[in-house]
C-alpha atoms as a PDB file:
ATOM      1  CA  MET A   1      22.955 -35.006 -40.627  1.00  0.00           C
ATOM      2  CA  ARG A   2      25.906 -34.295 -38.804  1.00  0.00           C
ATOM      3  CA  ARG A   3      24.762 -30.353 -39.164  1.00  0.00           C
ATOM      4  CA  ARG A   4      21.822 -31.094 -37.824  1.00  0.00           C
ATOM      5  CA  HIS A   5      22.792 -32.892 -34.448  1.00  0.00           C
ATOM      6  CA  LEU A   6      25.648 -29.913 -33.795  1.00  0.00           C
ATOM      7  CA  ILE A   7      22.442 -27.545 -34.482  1.00  0.00           C
ATOM      8  CA  ALA A   8      20.218 -29.444 -31.859  1.00  0.00           C
ATOM      9  CA  LEU A   9      22.662 -29.479 -29.179  1.00  0.00           C
ATOM     10  CA  ALA A  10      23.779 -26.096 -29.335  1.00  0.00           C
ATOM     11  CA  ALA A  11      20.313 -25.276 -29.042  1.00  0.00           C
ATOM     12  CA  ALA A  12      20.130 -27.758 -26.083  1.00  0.00           C
ATOM     13  CA  ALA A  13      22.873 -25.784 -24.392  1.00  0.00           C
ATOM     14  CA  LEU A  14      21.406 -22.382 -24.729  1.00  0.00           C
ATOM     15  CA  ALA A  15      18.449 -23.483 -23.798  1.00  0.00           C
ATOM     16  CA  THR A  16      20.234 -25.055 -20.262  1.00  0.00           C
ATOM     17  CA  GLY A  17      22.579 -21.652 -20.295  1.00  0.00           C
ATOM     18  CA  THR A  18      19.713 -19.599 -19.956  1.00  0.00           C
ATOM     19  CA  ALA A  19      17.729 -21.811 -17.455  1.00  0.00           C
ATOM     20  CA  PHE A  20      20.780 -21.856 -15.258  1.00  0.00           C
ATOM     21  CA  ALA A  21      20.981 -18.235 -15.670  1.00  0.00           C
ATOM     22  CA  GLN A  22      17.245 -18.121 -14.507  1.00  0.00           C
ATOM     23  CA  GLY A  23      17.806 -20.369 -12.205  1.00  0.00           C
ATOM     24  CA  ALA A  24      20.858 -18.734 -10.361  1.00  0.00           C
ATOM     25  CA  TYR A  25      18.657 -15.558  -9.746  1.00  0.00           C
ATOM     26  CA  PRO A  26      19.569 -13.196  -7.990  1.00  0.00           C
ATOM     27  CA  THR A  27      22.775 -12.030  -8.608  1.00  0.00           C
ATOM     28  CA  LYS A  28      23.257  -8.845  -7.471  1.00  0.00           C
ATOM     29  CA  PRO A  29      21.722  -6.771  -5.284  1.00  0.00           C
ATOM     30  CA  ILE A  30      17.473  -6.043  -5.966  1.00  0.00           C
ATOM     31  CA  ARG A  31      16.056  -2.658  -5.742  1.00  0.00           C
ATOM     32  CA  LEU A  32      12.716  -2.362  -4.016  1.00  0.00           C
ATOM     33  CA  ILE A  33      10.928   1.379  -4.866  1.00  0.00           C
ATOM     34  CA  VAL A  34       8.726   2.480  -2.067  1.00  0.00           C
ATOM     35  CA  PRO A  35       6.887   4.591  -3.801  1.00  0.00           C
ATOM     36  CA  PHE A  36       5.914   6.796  -0.669  1.00  0.00           C
ATOM     37  CA  ALA A  37       8.346   9.223   1.864  1.00  0.00           C
ATOM     38  CA  ALA A  38       9.721   7.497   4.901  1.00  0.00           C
ATOM     39  CA  GLY A  39       7.796   6.680   8.078  1.00  0.00           C
ATOM     40  CA  GLY A  40       4.393   6.170   6.756  1.00  0.00           C
ATOM     41  CA  THR A  41       2.791   2.379   6.927  1.00  0.00           C
ATOM     42  CA  THR A  42       4.483   1.609   2.985  1.00  0.00           C
ATOM     43  CA  ASP A  43       7.864   2.323   3.740  1.00  0.00           C
ATOM     44  CA  ILE A  44       7.620   0.338   7.627  1.00  0.00           C
ATOM     45  CA  ILE A  45       6.299  -2.785   5.867  1.00  0.00           C
ATOM     46  CA  ALA A  46       9.291  -2.954   3.217  1.00  0.00           C
ATOM     47  CA  ARG A  47      11.527  -2.058   5.848  1.00  0.00           C
ATOM     48  CA  VAL A  48      10.522  -4.556   8.061  1.00  0.00           C
ATOM     49  CA  VAL A  49      10.366  -7.941   5.253  1.00  0.00           C
ATOM     50  CA  ALA A  50      13.123  -6.576   2.658  1.00  0.00           C
ATOM     51  CA  GLU A  51      16.639  -7.350   4.957  1.00  0.00           C
ATOM     52  CA  PRO A  52      14.833 -10.612   6.002  1.00  0.00           C
ATOM     53  CA  LEU A  53      14.202 -10.774   2.347  1.00  0.00           C
ATOM     54  CA  GLY A  54      17.461 -10.262   1.163  1.00  0.00           C
ATOM     55  CA  ARG A  55      19.144 -13.048   3.166  1.00  0.00           C
ATOM     56  CA  ALA A  56      16.836 -15.516   1.698  1.00  0.00           C
ATOM     57  CA  LEU A  57      17.739 -14.799  -1.787  1.00  0.00           C
ATOM     58  CA  GLY A  58      21.353 -14.419  -0.930  1.00  0.00           C
ATOM     59  CA  HIS A  59      21.903 -10.772  -1.959  1.00  0.00           C
ATOM     60  CA  SER A  60      20.419  -7.584  -0.187  1.00  0.00           C
ATOM     61  CA  VAL A  61      16.861  -5.872  -1.337  1.00  0.00           C
ATOM     62  CA  VAL A  62      17.920  -2.282  -1.502  1.00  0.00           C
ATOM     63  CA  VAL A  63      14.397   0.275  -0.234  1.00  0.00           C
ATOM     64  CA  ASP A  64      14.176   3.337  -2.694  1.00  0.00           C
ATOM     65  CA  ASN A  65      11.761   5.549  -1.688  1.00  0.00           C
ATOM     66  CA  LYS A  66      10.133   7.406  -4.231  1.00  0.00           C
ATOM     67  CA  GLY A  67       7.355   9.622  -2.852  1.00  0.00           C
ATOM     68  CA  GLY A  68       5.019  11.892  -4.470  1.00  0.00           C
ATOM     69  CA  ALA A  69       1.816  12.733  -6.611  1.00  0.00           C
ATOM     70  CA  GLY A  70       0.182  10.081  -4.116  1.00  0.00           C
ATOM     71  CA  GLY A  71       2.679   7.556  -5.156  1.00  0.00           C
ATOM     72  CA  ALA A  72       2.442   7.373  -8.947  1.00  0.00           C
ATOM     73  CA  ILE A  73       5.915   9.179  -9.047  1.00  0.00           C
ATOM     74  CA  GLY A  74       7.385   5.802  -7.813  1.00  0.00           C
ATOM     75  CA  ALA A  75       4.691   3.005  -8.885  1.00  0.00           C
ATOM     76  CA  ALA A  76       5.287   5.026 -12.758  1.00  0.00           C
ATOM     77  CA  GLU A  77       9.427   4.565 -12.410  1.00  0.00           C
ATOM     78  CA  ALA A  78       8.967   0.672 -10.842  1.00  0.00           C
ATOM     79  CA  ALA A  79       6.568   0.238 -14.125  1.00  0.00           C
ATOM     80  CA  ARG A  80       9.497   1.623 -16.694  1.00  0.00           C
ATOM     81  CA  ALA A  81      11.979  -0.749 -15.171  1.00  0.00           C
ATOM     82  CA  ALA A  82      14.072  -3.837 -16.889  1.00  0.00           C
ATOM     83  CA  PRO A  83      11.710  -6.625 -16.316  1.00  0.00           C
ATOM     84  CA  ASP A  84      14.426  -9.075 -15.056  1.00  0.00           C
ATOM     85  CA  GLY A  85      13.658  -8.980 -11.542  1.00  0.00           C
ATOM     86  CA  TYR A  86      16.094  -7.060  -9.914  1.00  0.00           C
ATOM     87  CA  THR A  87      13.850  -3.786  -9.052  1.00  0.00           C
ATOM     88  CA  LEU A  88      10.473  -4.408  -8.085  1.00  0.00           C
ATOM     89  CA  SER A  89       8.037  -2.156  -6.005  1.00  0.00           C
ATOM     90  CA  VAL A  90       5.420  -1.811  -2.822  1.00  0.00           C
ATOM     91  CA  ALA A  91       2.249  -2.293  -4.835  1.00  0.00           C
ATOM     92  CA  THR A  92      -0.823  -0.429  -2.281  1.00  0.00           C
ATOM     93  CA  VAL A  93      -4.169   0.631  -2.853  1.00  0.00           C
ATOM     94  CA  SER A  94      -2.955   4.021  -3.296  1.00  0.00           C
ATOM     95  CA  THR A  95      -1.095   3.087  -6.410  1.00  0.00           C
ATOM     96  CA  THR A  96      -2.408   0.273  -7.628  1.00  0.00           C
ATOM     97  CA  ALA A  97      -6.389   1.281  -7.249  1.00  0.00           C
ATOM     98  CA  ALA A  98      -7.030   4.554  -6.026  1.00  0.00           C
ATOM     99  CA  ASN A  99      -4.846   6.916  -7.919  1.00  0.00           C
ATOM    100  CA  PRO A 100      -5.325   5.522 -11.255  1.00  0.00           C
ATOM    101  CA  ALA A 101      -8.771   5.899 -10.382  1.00  0.00           C
ATOM    102  CA  ILE A 102      -8.644   9.917 -10.337  1.00  0.00           C
ATOM    103  CA  ASN A 103      -6.303  10.260 -12.690  1.00  0.00           C
ATOM    104  CA  PRO A 104      -6.807   9.220 -16.299  1.00  0.00           C
ATOM    105  CA  LYS A 105      -3.903  10.681 -17.392  1.00  0.00           C
ATOM    106  CA  ILE A 106      -1.305   8.924 -14.848  1.00  0.00           C
ATOM    107  CA  ALA A 107       1.595   7.812 -16.432  1.00  0.00           C
ATOM    108  CA  TYR A 108       0.855   3.445 -15.980  1.00  0.00           C
ATOM    109  CA  ASP A 109      -1.554   0.845 -15.728  1.00  0.00           C
ATOM    110  CA  PRO A 110      -2.049  -0.742 -12.840  1.00  0.00           C
ATOM    111  CA  VAL A 111      -3.372  -3.646 -14.343  1.00  0.00           C
ATOM    112  CA  ALA A 112      -1.074  -4.114 -17.474  1.00  0.00           C
ATOM    113  CA  ASP A 113       2.046  -3.193 -16.453  1.00  0.00           C
ATOM    114  CA  PHE A 114       2.608  -4.994 -13.760  1.00  0.00           C
ATOM    115  CA  VAL A 115       2.608  -8.427 -12.614  1.00  0.00           C
ATOM    116  CA  PRO A 116       1.879  -9.027  -8.945  1.00  0.00           C
ATOM    117  CA  VAL A 117       3.829 -11.106  -7.065  1.00  0.00           C
ATOM    118  CA  ILE A 118       2.459 -11.338  -3.462  1.00  0.00           C
ATOM    119  CA  ASN A 119       0.185  -9.509  -1.248  1.00  0.00           C
ATOM    120  CA  ILE A 120       2.152  -9.284   2.263  1.00  0.00           C
ATOM    121  CA  ALA A 121       0.453  -7.868   4.584  1.00  0.00           C
ATOM    122  CA  ALA A 122      -3.653  -6.191   4.677  1.00  0.00           C
ATOM    123  CA  THR A 123      -3.728  -3.112   7.194  1.00  0.00           C
ATOM    124  CA  PRO A 124      -6.482  -1.556   9.007  1.00  0.00           C
ATOM    125  CA  ASN A 125      -7.063   2.642   8.680  1.00  0.00           C
ATOM    126  CA  VAL A 126      -8.564   4.962  11.519  1.00  0.00           C
ATOM    127  CA  ILE A 127      -9.596   8.515  11.587  1.00  0.00           C
ATOM    128  CA  ALA A 128      -7.478  10.270  13.964  1.00  0.00           C
ATOM    129  CA  VAL A 129      -7.813  13.656  15.729  1.00  0.00           C
ATOM    130  CA  HIS A 130      -5.105  16.414  17.083  1.00  0.00           C
ATOM    131  CA  PRO A 131      -6.276  16.326  21.324  1.00  0.00           C
ATOM    132  CA  SER A 132      -7.167  19.683  20.993  1.00  0.00           C
ATOM    133  CA  PHE A 133      -9.438  18.885  18.463  1.00  0.00           C
ATOM    134  CA  ALA A 134     -13.137  19.121  20.367  1.00  0.00           C
ATOM    135  CA  ALA A 135     -14.832  15.419  19.715  1.00  0.00           C
ATOM    136  CA  LYS A 136     -12.853  12.926  20.706  1.00  0.00           C
ATOM    137  CA  ASP A 137     -15.729   9.275  19.744  1.00  0.00           C
ATOM    138  CA  TYR A 138     -17.518   9.059  16.148  1.00  0.00           C
ATOM    139  CA  LYS A 139     -21.171  10.114  17.593  1.00  0.00           C
ATOM    140  CA  SER A 140     -19.620  13.637  18.780  1.00  0.00           C
ATOM    141  CA  PHE A 141     -16.977  13.841  15.831  1.00  0.00           C
ATOM    142  CA  ALA A 142     -19.702  13.309  13.156  1.00  0.00           C
ATOM    143  CA  GLU A 143     -22.117  15.843  14.931  1.00  0.00           C
ATOM    144  CA  LEU A 144     -19.276  18.699  15.023  1.00  0.00           C
ATOM    145  CA  LEU A 145     -18.253  18.488  11.313  1.00  0.00           C
ATOM    146  CA  LYS A 146     -22.399  17.950  10.085  1.00  0.00           C
ATOM    147  CA  LYS A 147     -23.101  21.333  12.059  1.00  0.00           C
ATOM    148  CA  GLN A 148     -19.890  22.803  10.623  1.00  0.00           C
ATOM    149  CA  PRO A 149     -19.766  22.106   6.951  1.00  0.00           C
ATOM    150  CA  GLY A 150     -15.981  23.063   5.277  1.00  0.00           C
ATOM    151  CA  LYS A 151     -14.459  24.772   8.493  1.00  0.00           C
ATOM    152  CA  PHE A 152     -12.409  21.687   9.066  1.00  0.00           C
ATOM    153  CA  SER A 153     -10.008  20.282   6.928  1.00  0.00           C
ATOM    154  CA  TYR A 154      -7.870  16.858   6.510  1.00  0.00           C
ATOM    155  CA  ALA A 155      -4.753  15.844   5.653  1.00  0.00           C
ATOM    156  CA  SER A 156      -3.903  12.557   3.450  1.00  0.00           C
ATOM    157  CA  SER A 157      -1.020  10.899   1.719  1.00  0.00           C
ATOM    158  CA  GLY A 158      -1.609  12.934  -1.325  1.00  0.00           C
ATOM    159  CA  THR A 159      -4.617  13.164  -3.868  1.00  0.00           C
ATOM    160  CA  GLY A 160      -5.331   9.890  -5.214  1.00  0.00           C
ATOM    161  CA  GLY A 161      -3.725   7.948  -2.395  1.00  0.00           C
ATOM    162  CA  ILE A 162      -6.240   5.882  -0.137  1.00  0.00           C
ATOM    163  CA  GLY A 163      -6.026   7.985   2.737  1.00  0.00           C
ATOM    164  CA  HIS A 164      -7.807  10.346   0.335  1.00  0.00           C
ATOM    165  CA  LEU A 165     -10.211   8.202  -1.709  1.00  0.00           C
ATOM    166  CA  GLN A 166     -11.392   6.402   1.585  1.00  0.00           C
ATOM    167  CA  THR A 167     -11.901   9.502   3.195  1.00  0.00           C
ATOM    168  CA  GLU A 168     -14.200  10.684  -0.039  1.00  0.00           C
ATOM    169  CA  LEU A 169     -15.772   7.195   0.158  1.00  0.00           C
ATOM    170  CA  TRP A 170     -17.346   8.180   4.034  1.00  0.00           C
ATOM    171  CA  LYS A 171     -18.180  11.838   3.070  1.00  0.00           C
ATOM    172  CA  SER A 172     -20.352  10.179   0.016  1.00  0.00           C
ATOM    173  CA  LEU A 173     -21.951   8.216   2.757  1.00  0.00           C
ATOM    174  CA  THR A 174     -22.218  11.260   5.398  1.00  0.00           C
ATOM    175  CA  GLY A 175     -22.808  13.882   3.599  1.00  0.00           C
ATOM    176  CA  ILE A 176     -20.094  15.363   6.277  1.00  0.00           C
ATOM    177  CA  PHE A 177     -17.693  18.046   4.061  1.00  0.00           C
ATOM    178  CA  LEU A 178     -14.195  18.256   4.869  1.00  0.00           C
ATOM    179  CA  THR A 179     -11.364  20.457   2.742  1.00  0.00           C
ATOM    180  CA  HIS A 180      -8.554  17.799   1.484  1.00  0.00           C
ATOM    181  CA  ILE A 181      -4.732  19.286   2.407  1.00  0.00           C
ATOM    182  CA  ALA A 182      -2.848  16.728   0.601  1.00  0.00           C
ATOM    183  CA  TYR A 183       1.020  16.124   1.389  1.00  0.00           C
ATOM    184  CA  ARG A 184       3.955  13.877   0.123  1.00  0.00           C
ATOM    185  CA  GLY A 185       3.214  10.770   2.160  1.00  0.00           C
ATOM    186  CA  ALA A 186       1.825  10.061   5.078  1.00  0.00           C
ATOM    187  CA  GLY A 187       4.678  10.928   7.168  1.00  0.00           C
ATOM    188  CA  PRO A 188       4.794  14.303   6.458  1.00  0.00           C
ATOM    189  CA  ALA A 189       1.164  14.583   6.767  1.00  0.00           C
ATOM    190  CA  LEU A 190       1.141  12.773   9.961  1.00  0.00           C
ATOM    191  CA  ASN A 191       4.043  15.119  11.028  1.00  0.00           C
ATOM    192  CA  ASP A 192       1.276  17.867   9.957  1.00  0.00           C
ATOM    193  CA  VAL A 193      -1.537  16.719  12.337  1.00  0.00           C
ATOM    194  CA  VAL A 194       0.873  15.792  14.993  1.00  0.00           C
ATOM    195  CA  ALA A 195       2.145  19.393  15.527  1.00  0.00           C
ATOM    196  CA  GLY A 196      -1.446  20.686  15.309  1.00  0.00           C
ATOM    197  CA  GLN A 197      -1.699  22.427  11.663  1.00  0.00           C
ATOM    198  CA  VAL A 198      -4.856  20.121  10.598  1.00  0.00           C
ATOM    199  CA  PRO A 199      -6.768  18.457  12.606  1.00  0.00           C
ATOM    200  CA  ILE A 200      -7.617  15.039  11.241  1.00  0.00           C
ATOM    201  CA  ILE A 201      -6.246  12.374   9.130  1.00  0.00           C
ATOM    202  CA  PHE A 202      -7.581   9.340   7.914  1.00  0.00           C
ATOM    203  CA  ASP A 203      -4.687   6.874   8.161  1.00  0.00           C
ATOM    204  CA  ASN A 204      -2.363   3.506   8.043  1.00  0.00           C
ATOM    205  CA  VAL A 205      -3.076   2.404  11.570  1.00  0.00           C
ATOM    206  CA  PRO A 206       0.821   1.282  11.698  1.00  0.00           C
ATOM    207  CA  SER A 207       2.240   4.768  11.166  1.00  0.00           C
ATOM    208  CA  SER A 208      -0.617   6.321  13.390  1.00  0.00           C
ATOM    209  CA  LEU A 209      -0.292   3.754  16.039  1.00  0.00           C
ATOM    210  CA  PRO A 210       2.525   5.044  17.614  1.00  0.00           C
ATOM    211  CA  PHE A 211       1.049   8.844  18.089  1.00  0.00           C
ATOM    212  CA  ILE A 212      -2.115   7.509  19.280  1.00  0.00           C
ATOM    213  CA  LYS A 213      -0.517   5.252  22.155  1.00  0.00           C
ATOM    214  CA  SER A 214       1.570   8.155  23.129  1.00  0.00           C
ATOM    215  CA  GLY A 215      -1.254  10.489  23.457  1.00  0.00           C
ATOM    216  CA  LYS A 216      -0.534  12.947  20.428  1.00  0.00           C
ATOM    217  CA  LEU A 217      -3.741  11.853  18.118  1.00  0.00           C
ATOM    218  CA  VAL A 218      -6.966  10.552  19.508  1.00  0.00           C
ATOM    219  CA  PRO A 219      -8.315   7.358  17.349  1.00  0.00           C
ATOM    220  CA  ILE A 220     -12.228   7.810  16.287  1.00  0.00           C
ATOM    221  CA  VAL A 221     -12.746   5.126  14.167  1.00  0.00           C
ATOM    222  CA  VAL A 222     -10.628   2.411  12.182  1.00  0.00           C
ATOM    223  CA  ALA A 223     -11.641   0.652   8.961  1.00  0.00           C
ATOM    224  CA  ALA A 224     -11.071  -3.229  10.057  1.00  0.00           C
ATOM    225  CA  PRO A 225     -13.280  -6.660  10.336  1.00  0.00           C
ATOM    226  CA  GLN A 226     -13.422  -6.045  14.145  1.00  0.00           C
ATOM    227  CA  ARG A 227     -11.823  -3.466  16.865  1.00  0.00           C
ATOM    228  CA  LEU A 228      -8.367  -4.156  17.065  1.00  0.00           C
ATOM    229  CA  ALA A 229      -6.607  -5.219  20.593  1.00  0.00           C
ATOM    230  CA  ASP A 230      -4.443  -2.247  20.356  1.00  0.00           C
ATOM    231  CA  LEU A 231      -7.638   0.186  20.325  1.00  0.00           C
ATOM    232  CA  PRO A 232     -10.238  -1.813  21.785  1.00  0.00           C
ATOM    233  CA  ASN A 233     -12.348   1.311  23.041  1.00  0.00           C
ATOM    234  CA  VAL A 234     -12.461   2.502  19.405  1.00  0.00           C
ATOM    235  CA  PRO A 235     -15.749   1.153  16.979  1.00  0.00           C
ATOM    236  CA  THR A 236     -15.505  -0.346  13.408  1.00  0.00           C
ATOM    237  CA  PHE A 237     -16.964   1.528  10.345  1.00  0.00           C
ATOM    238  CA  LYS A 238     -19.607  -1.269  10.656  1.00  0.00           C
ATOM    239  CA  GLU A 239     -20.259  -0.584  14.089  1.00  0.00           C
ATOM    240  CA  VAL A 240     -21.197   3.030  13.350  1.00  0.00           C
ATOM    241  CA  GLY A 241     -23.244   2.109  10.237  1.00  0.00           C
ATOM    242  CA  LEU A 242     -20.809   2.610   7.771  1.00  0.00           C
ATOM    243  CA  GLU A 243     -19.979  -0.751   6.856  1.00  0.00           C
ATOM    244  CA  PRO A 244     -18.373  -0.177   2.862  1.00  0.00           C
ATOM    245  CA  VAL A 245     -15.651   2.033   4.360  1.00  0.00           C
ATOM    246  CA  ASN A 246     -14.372  -1.076   6.105  1.00  0.00           C
ATOM    247  CA  ARG A 247     -11.703  -1.687   3.404  1.00  0.00           C
ATOM    248  CA  MET A 248      -8.027  -2.353   4.885  1.00  0.00           C
ATOM    249  CA  ALA A 249      -4.845  -1.526   2.736  1.00  0.00           C
ATOM    250  CA  TYR A 250      -2.683  -3.736   1.116  1.00  0.00           C
ATOM    251  CA  TYR A 251       0.986  -3.837   0.773  1.00  0.00           C
ATOM    252  CA  GLY A 252       2.184  -6.479  -1.477  1.00  0.00           C
ATOM    253  CA  ILE A 253       5.003  -6.777  -4.302  1.00  0.00           C
ATOM    254  CA  LEU A 254       5.453  -6.117  -8.010  1.00  0.00           C
ATOM    255  CA  ALA A 255       7.544  -6.690 -10.489  1.00  0.00           C
ATOM    256  CA  PRO A 256       7.272  -5.326 -14.129  1.00  0.00           C
ATOM    257  CA  LYS A 257       5.367  -6.512 -16.811  1.00  0.00           C
ATOM    258  CA  GLY A 258       7.295  -9.337 -18.735  1.00  0.00           C
ATOM    259  CA  THR A 259       9.051 -10.356 -15.894  1.00  0.00           C
ATOM    260  CA  PRO A 260       9.413 -14.355 -16.280  1.00  0.00           C
ATOM    261  CA  LYS A 261       7.371 -16.462 -14.372  1.00  0.00           C
ATOM    262  CA  ASP A 262      10.440 -18.386 -12.887  1.00  0.00           C
ATOM    263  CA  ILE A 263      11.733 -14.840 -11.177  1.00  0.00           C
ATOM    264  CA  VAL A 264       7.909 -14.310 -10.061  1.00  0.00           C
ATOM    265  CA  ASP A 265       7.865 -17.869  -8.365  1.00  0.00           C
ATOM    266  CA  LYS A 266      10.867 -17.826  -6.564  1.00  0.00           C
ATOM    267  CA  LEU A 267      10.008 -14.068  -5.052  1.00  0.00           C
ATOM    268  CA  ASN A 268       6.715 -15.600  -3.353  1.00  0.00           C
ATOM    269  CA  ALA A 269       8.138 -18.263  -2.376  1.00  0.00           C
ATOM    270  CA  ALA A 270      11.473 -16.782  -0.607  1.00  0.00           C
ATOM    271  CA  THR A 271       8.709 -13.747   0.696  1.00  0.00           C
ATOM    272  CA  LYS A 272       6.297 -16.462   2.178  1.00  0.00           C
ATOM    273  CA  LYS A 273       9.293 -17.879   4.068  1.00  0.00           C
ATOM    274  CA  VAL A 274      10.478 -14.997   5.356  1.00  0.00           C
ATOM    275  CA  LEU A 275       6.702 -13.805   6.710  1.00  0.00           C
ATOM    276  CA  GLU A 276       6.456 -17.614   8.110  1.00  0.00           C
ATOM    277  CA  ASP A 277       9.711 -16.185  10.111  1.00  0.00           C
ATOM    278  CA  PRO A 278       8.221 -15.784  13.635  1.00  0.00           C
ATOM    279  CA  ALA A 279      10.044 -12.418  14.583  1.00  0.00           C
ATOM    280  CA  VAL A 280       9.272 -10.865  10.861  1.00  0.00           C
ATOM    281  CA  LYS A 281       4.945 -11.927  11.667  1.00  0.00           C
ATOM    282  CA  LYS A 282       5.572 -10.495  14.913  1.00  0.00           C
ATOM    283  CA  ARG A 283       7.153  -7.109  13.603  1.00  0.00           C
ATOM    284  CA  ILE A 284       4.697  -6.688  10.848  1.00  0.00           C
ATOM    285  CA  GLU A 285       1.457  -7.607  13.367  1.00  0.00           C
ATOM    286  CA  ASP A 286       3.098  -5.617  16.198  1.00  0.00           C
ATOM    287  CA  THR A 287       1.837  -2.480  13.306  1.00  0.00           C
ATOM    288  CA  GLY A 288      -2.001  -3.609  13.646  1.00  0.00           C
ATOM    289  CA  SER A 289      -0.947  -5.206  10.325  1.00  0.00           C
ATOM    290  CA  PHE A 290      -2.323  -9.279   9.260  1.00  0.00           C
ATOM    291  CA  ILE A 291      -0.133 -11.675   7.126  1.00  0.00           C
ATOM    292  CA  ILE A 292      -1.579 -12.133   3.762  1.00  0.00           C
ATOM    293  CA  ALA A 293       0.884 -13.860   1.770  1.00  0.00           C
ATOM    294  CA  ASN A 294      -1.170 -14.907  -0.898  1.00  0.00           C
ATOM    295  CA  THR A 295      -0.249 -16.183  -4.751  1.00  0.00           C
ATOM    296  CA  PRO A 296       0.543 -13.862  -7.579  1.00  0.00           C
ATOM    297  CA  GLU A 297      -3.098 -14.761  -9.217  1.00  0.00           C
ATOM    298  CA  GLN A 298      -4.952 -13.918  -5.661  1.00  0.00           C
ATOM    299  CA  PHE A 299      -3.125 -11.009  -5.380  1.00  0.00           C
ATOM    300  CA  ALA A 300      -4.444  -9.654  -9.280  1.00  0.00           C
ATOM    301  CA  GLN A 301      -7.548 -10.224  -8.341  1.00  0.00           C
ATOM    302  CA  GLN A 302      -7.447  -7.859  -5.358  1.00  0.00           C
ATOM    303  CA  ILE A 303      -5.789  -4.964  -6.882  1.00  0.00           C
ATOM    304  CA  LYS A 304      -8.598  -5.436  -9.944  1.00  0.00           C
ATOM    305  CA  ASP A 305     -11.426  -5.276  -7.098  1.00  0.00           C
ATOM    306  CA  GLU A 306     -10.373  -1.926  -5.592  1.00  0.00           C
ATOM    307  CA  LEU A 307      -9.544  -0.351  -8.396  1.00  0.00           C
ATOM    308  CA  ALA A 308     -13.237  -1.432  -9.547  1.00  0.00           C
ATOM    309  CA  VAL A 309     -14.392   0.296  -5.804  1.00  0.00           C
ATOM    310  CA  TYR A 310     -11.927   3.346  -5.677  1.00  0.00           C
ATOM    311  CA  LYS A 311     -13.595   3.868 -10.214  1.00  0.00           C
ATOM    312  CA  GLN A 312     -16.905   3.871  -8.771  1.00  0.00           C
ATOM    313  CA  VAL A 313     -15.796   6.556  -5.426  1.00  0.00           C
ATOM    314  CA  VAL A 314     -14.673   8.879  -8.222  1.00  0.00           C
ATOM    315  CA  ALA A 315     -17.305   9.339 -10.240  1.00  0.00           C
ATOM    316  CA  LYS A 316     -19.732   9.660  -7.020  1.00  0.00           C
ATOM    317  CA  GLN A 317     -17.699  12.592  -5.569  1.00  0.00           C
ATOM    318  CA  LYS A 318     -16.714  14.203  -8.600  1.00  0.00           C
ATOM    319  CA  LEU A 319     -13.318  13.858  -7.584  1.00  0.00           C
ATOM    320  CA  THR A 320     -10.441  15.460 -10.181  1.00  0.00           C
ATOM    321  CA  LEU A 321      -6.942  15.628  -9.448  1.00  0.00           C
ATOM    322  CA  GLN A 322      -7.692  19.683  -9.596  1.00  0.00           C
END
């Protein structure tokens, strides 16, 4: 009896110690992988949230940019990380839906290899052109491209990224042909469009907006539920008869599969608290984004829904990585 009693006490102590260790999370800095180069919307949103999230958790959250392959390189690294809450990643439509839809050999499963933590924000996208481009509004833009198929090209954050597949969705509905030029992230793609090396880009509003406001890019049409306060004269895709293209990007946090639920819940609660801060909320909304701050389960469903949409685009457009 005494031996069984001692074993029971030891088991209880071990369980209590384990609970205490998990409850103490985090005890060291957290790495947040951003699967794109610095300067794009993913990087902007991550950096707005990282510092206050670190303060809320009691240890710094360090942004680590790992760009390339439309976000697949950084996402694959995040999927391989230990499920201990110390390596997280920023999830985008590119990494969880568009890229997996086009790449059957991608090194991770966007649904099975991650545990969704929270969707931070949703961001409208915009087709914009270099100021030298002849068309400055949607009607003349579409007419010009239809008259000269194959003459013009567009830049994207990479093959399989949202900029690529959302443009292909638009092309599939309009019959317009453009040549795709892929970059290692939205930042480099924007730089070349602003420099006039490529005339067109389909990008997130937050990263494009400063160039639009400074006159270095001209907005043509936005993918958003309604016109944006910062771009009141720019129509939505619904207004030009292409409502299926009105899909916003999302920016959320993922943990590797196997991450304990208590850690996921703590990260979700801490991020929600950060997003309630008026200063953080304003910084995100000033980029043209909308705060989402949903549950892990809701974010998981969003990922599944977007993956289904872009699998259809890939099949219809017969897209490959080549």
